Amino acid sequence: MKNIHTYTLEIIDTVMEAANVEDIYRHKILKHVYNLKSYKDFKHRELPERKPMTFKKPAVKLVFHTVPNHVQKIMLLSCEKNDIDIDAFCSNRRFPEILEAQRMVIFFLHKHVNYNSVKVARWFMKDHSTILNACRVHEARMETEKLYQIIYKNFSQEAMKIIDEV
C-alpha cells in the first residue's frame, strides 16, 4: 500500500505532464501541496484560481521607460520566468516572488554586466547599499538552494543573449 507522499508526487507528475509544465516549476506546486494541513483538506478543498499579481497604486514605482532598452528586456524576462507582471516588478511591494525576480536582475546587472551599484540603484529607485544586500542574499541562496541555481542559470543564459544583441 502506498503512502500519501507517494500519491501526492504521482498526482503532481501526472498534472505536470498533462499541463505540459516545465520541471523547474515543480517545486512551486510541491510547496503549495505541502502547505495543505492534511490529506483530508487536500481531498475536499477547492483551490482558488491564482490571478496574476496586479497593484492599482504602488507607493513608489520605478520609471520603467527611463531604463535602457536592454535592461527593460532583462526585467521583462525576469517577470516572465517568475510569473509576475511588470507593474508588480516595478512596485516597492515586498512579496517573495517580486523580490526574487528583482534580485535576479540586480545580481545579473551588477555582477555579470558589471554595472556599478549606484547605476543599478538609480534604475530600481533604491539605495546602492540595498543593491549590495540583494547581491549578498542572492549569492547565499545560490549556495544553498539547488533549484534556485537552476532557475537562475536558465535566466542568466537568456539574459546573456539579450546583452549579446546590444
Protein backbone atom coordinates (compact mmCIF):
# COMPACT_ATOMS: atom_id res chain seq x y z
CA MET A 1 0.00 0.00 0.00
CA LYS A 2 1.34 3.41 -0.99
CA ASN A 3 1.57 6.26 1.45
CA ILE A 4 0.17 9.75 0.98
CA HIS A 5 3.52 11.24 -0.02
CA THR A 6 3.88 8.82 -2.93
CA TYR A 7 0.34 9.52 -4.13
CA THR A 8 0.96 13.25 -3.94
CA LEU A 9 4.12 13.01 -6.04
CA GLU A 10 2.37 10.81 -8.60
CA ILE A 11 -0.53 13.24 -8.87
CA ILE A 12 1.82 16.19 -9.34
CA ASP A 13 3.78 14.33 -12.03
CA THR A 14 0.56 13.46 -13.84
CA VAL A 15 -0.70 17.03 -13.68
CA MET A 16 2.63 18.41 -14.90
CA GLU A 17 2.64 16.03 -17.87
CA ALA A 18 -0.97 16.81 -18.75
CA ALA A 19 -0.44 20.58 -18.49
CA ASN A 20 2.95 20.41 -20.24
CA VAL A 21 4.67 22.29 -17.37
CA GLU A 22 8.45 22.55 -17.13
CA ASP A 23 10.25 20.73 -14.30
CA ILE A 24 11.56 23.98 -12.82
CA TYR A 25 8.02 24.86 -11.66
CA ARG A 26 7.56 21.52 -9.87
CA HIS A 27 8.87 22.98 -6.60
CA LYS A 28 6.16 25.64 -6.57
CA ILE A 29 3.46 23.01 -6.98
CA LEU A 30 5.02 20.85 -4.25
CA LYS A 31 5.25 23.84 -1.91
CA HIS A 32 1.53 24.53 -2.25
CA VAL A 33 0.61 20.88 -1.77
CA TYR A 34 2.76 20.53 1.36
CA ASN A 35 1.24 23.68 2.82
CA LEU A 36 -2.12 21.96 2.98
CA LYS A 37 -2.74 20.70 6.51
CA SER A 38 -3.78 17.13 5.76
CA TYR A 39 -4.84 14.78 3.00
CA LYS A 40 -8.44 15.35 4.00
CA ASP A 41 -8.03 19.08 3.36
CA PHE A 42 -6.31 18.30 0.07
CA LYS A 43 -9.09 15.95 -0.97
CA HIS A 44 -12.02 18.24 -0.17
CA ARG A 45 -10.58 21.70 -0.54
CA GLU A 46 -11.15 23.66 -3.72
CA LEU A 47 -8.01 25.55 -4.58
CA PRO A 48 -8.71 29.08 -5.82
CA GLU A 49 -7.56 30.02 -9.29
CA ARG A 50 -4.43 32.13 -8.97
CA LYS A 51 -4.67 35.51 -10.61
CA PRO A 52 -1.56 37.38 -11.73
CA MET A 53 -0.33 39.94 -9.22
CA THR A 54 -1.50 43.43 -10.06
CA PHE A 55 -1.50 46.52 -7.93
CA LYS A 56 -3.52 49.66 -8.51
CA LYS A 57 -1.30 52.32 -6.98
CA PRO A 58 2.12 51.37 -5.65
CA ALA A 59 3.57 53.95 -3.28
CA VAL A 60 6.87 54.25 -5.15
CA LYS A 61 7.32 52.90 -8.62
CA LEU A 62 10.42 52.75 -10.72
CA VAL A 63 10.05 54.59 -14.00
CA PHE A 64 10.32 51.75 -16.49
CA HIS A 65 10.62 53.92 -19.60
CA THR A 66 13.76 55.68 -18.29
CA VAL A 67 15.68 52.39 -18.08
CA PRO A 68 17.80 51.41 -21.14
CA ASN A 69 16.19 49.03 -23.65
CA HIS A 70 18.38 46.01 -22.92
CA VAL A 71 17.73 46.37 -19.18
CA GLN A 72 13.99 46.62 -19.86
CA LYS A 73 14.17 43.35 -21.82
CA ILE A 74 16.02 41.66 -18.94
CA MET A 75 13.40 42.91 -16.46
CA LEU A 76 10.61 41.56 -18.68
CA LEU A 77 12.44 38.24 -18.95
CA SER A 78 12.64 38.02 -15.15
CA CYS A 79 8.93 38.80 -14.89
CA GLU A 80 8.18 36.02 -17.36
CA LYS A 81 10.36 33.49 -15.51
CA ASN A 82 8.81 34.35 -12.12
CA ASP A 83 5.23 34.66 -13.39
CA ILE A 84 4.59 38.25 -12.33
CA ASP A 85 3.61 41.33 -14.32
CA ILE A 86 5.83 44.34 -14.88
CA ASP A 87 3.72 46.62 -12.67
CA ALA A 88 4.30 44.31 -9.71
CA PHE A 89 8.01 44.09 -10.57
CA CYS A 90 8.33 47.88 -10.63
CA SER A 91 6.46 48.39 -7.36
CA ASN A 92 8.07 48.55 -3.94
CA ARG A 93 5.96 45.66 -2.63
CA ARG A 94 7.88 43.02 -0.68
CA PHE A 95 6.25 39.80 -1.80
CA PRO A 96 8.77 36.93 -2.12
CA GLU A 97 8.06 36.40 -5.83
CA ILE A 98 8.70 40.07 -6.59
CA LEU A 99 11.87 40.22 -4.50
CA GLU A 100 13.20 37.06 -6.15
CA ALA A 101 12.61 38.49 -9.63
CA GLN A 102 14.23 41.81 -8.71
CA ARG A 103 17.25 40.14 -7.08
CA MET A 104 17.90 38.07 -10.19
CA VAL A 105 18.00 41.18 -12.36
CA ILE A 106 20.03 43.18 -9.83
CA PHE A 107 22.63 40.43 -9.42
CA PHE A 108 22.87 39.85 -13.16
CA LEU A 109 23.35 43.54 -13.95
CA HIS A 110 25.79 44.15 -11.11
CA LYS A 111 27.96 41.02 -11.38
CA HIS A 112 27.68 39.78 -14.98
CA VAL A 113 27.23 43.02 -16.91
CA ASN A 114 29.46 44.97 -14.48
CA TYR A 115 27.22 47.95 -13.87
CA ASN A 116 28.12 49.67 -10.62
CA SER A 117 25.71 49.54 -7.70
CA VAL A 118 24.89 53.26 -7.94
CA LYS A 119 23.71 52.96 -11.55
CA VAL A 120 21.62 49.84 -10.81
CA ALA A 121 20.22 51.53 -7.70
CA ARG A 122 19.13 54.51 -9.79
CA TRP A 123 17.24 52.22 -12.19
CA PHE A 124 15.46 50.48 -9.31
CA MET A 125 14.97 53.70 -7.30
CA LYS A 126 16.81 52.22 -4.33
CA ASP A 127 19.95 52.94 -2.35
CA HIS A 128 23.27 51.43 -3.51
CA SER A 129 23.55 49.50 -0.23
CA THR A 130 20.21 47.84 -0.99
CA ILE A 131 21.70 46.62 -4.27
CA LEU A 132 24.73 45.18 -2.49
CA ASN A 133 22.47 43.47 0.06
CA ALA A 134 20.34 41.97 -2.74
CA CYS A 135 23.52 40.55 -4.29
CA ARG A 136 24.55 39.02 -0.94
CA VAL A 137 21.12 37.43 -0.44
CA HIS A 138 21.18 36.10 -4.00
CA GLU A 139 24.65 34.57 -3.53
CA ALA A 140 23.55 32.93 -0.26
CA ARG A 141 20.53 31.36 -1.97
CA MET A 142 22.72 30.19 -4.85
CA GLU A 143 24.99 28.37 -2.38
CA THR A 144 22.18 26.62 -0.52
CA GLU A 145 19.32 26.01 -2.97
CA LYS A 146 19.92 23.76 -5.98
CA LEU A 147 16.60 24.58 -7.62
CA TYR A 148 17.27 28.31 -7.35
CA GLN A 149 20.62 27.70 -9.09
CA ILE A 150 18.86 26.00 -12.00
CA ILE A 151 16.28 28.77 -12.32
CA TYR A 152 18.96 31.47 -12.22
CA LYS A 153 21.19 29.68 -14.74
CA ASN A 154 18.27 29.47 -17.19
CA PHE A 155 17.54 33.16 -16.60
CA SER A 156 21.17 34.25 -16.98
CA GLN A 157 21.64 32.29 -20.22
CA GLU A 158 18.66 34.01 -21.81
CA ALA A 159 19.69 37.39 -20.38
CA MET A 160 23.19 36.97 -21.85
CA LYS A 161 21.60 36.52 -25.28
CA ILE A 162 19.88 39.88 -24.78
CA ILE A 163 23.18 41.51 -23.78
CA ASP A 164 24.98 39.98 -26.76
CA GLU A 165 22.41 41.52 -29.12
CA VAL A 166 23.29 45.02 -27.86
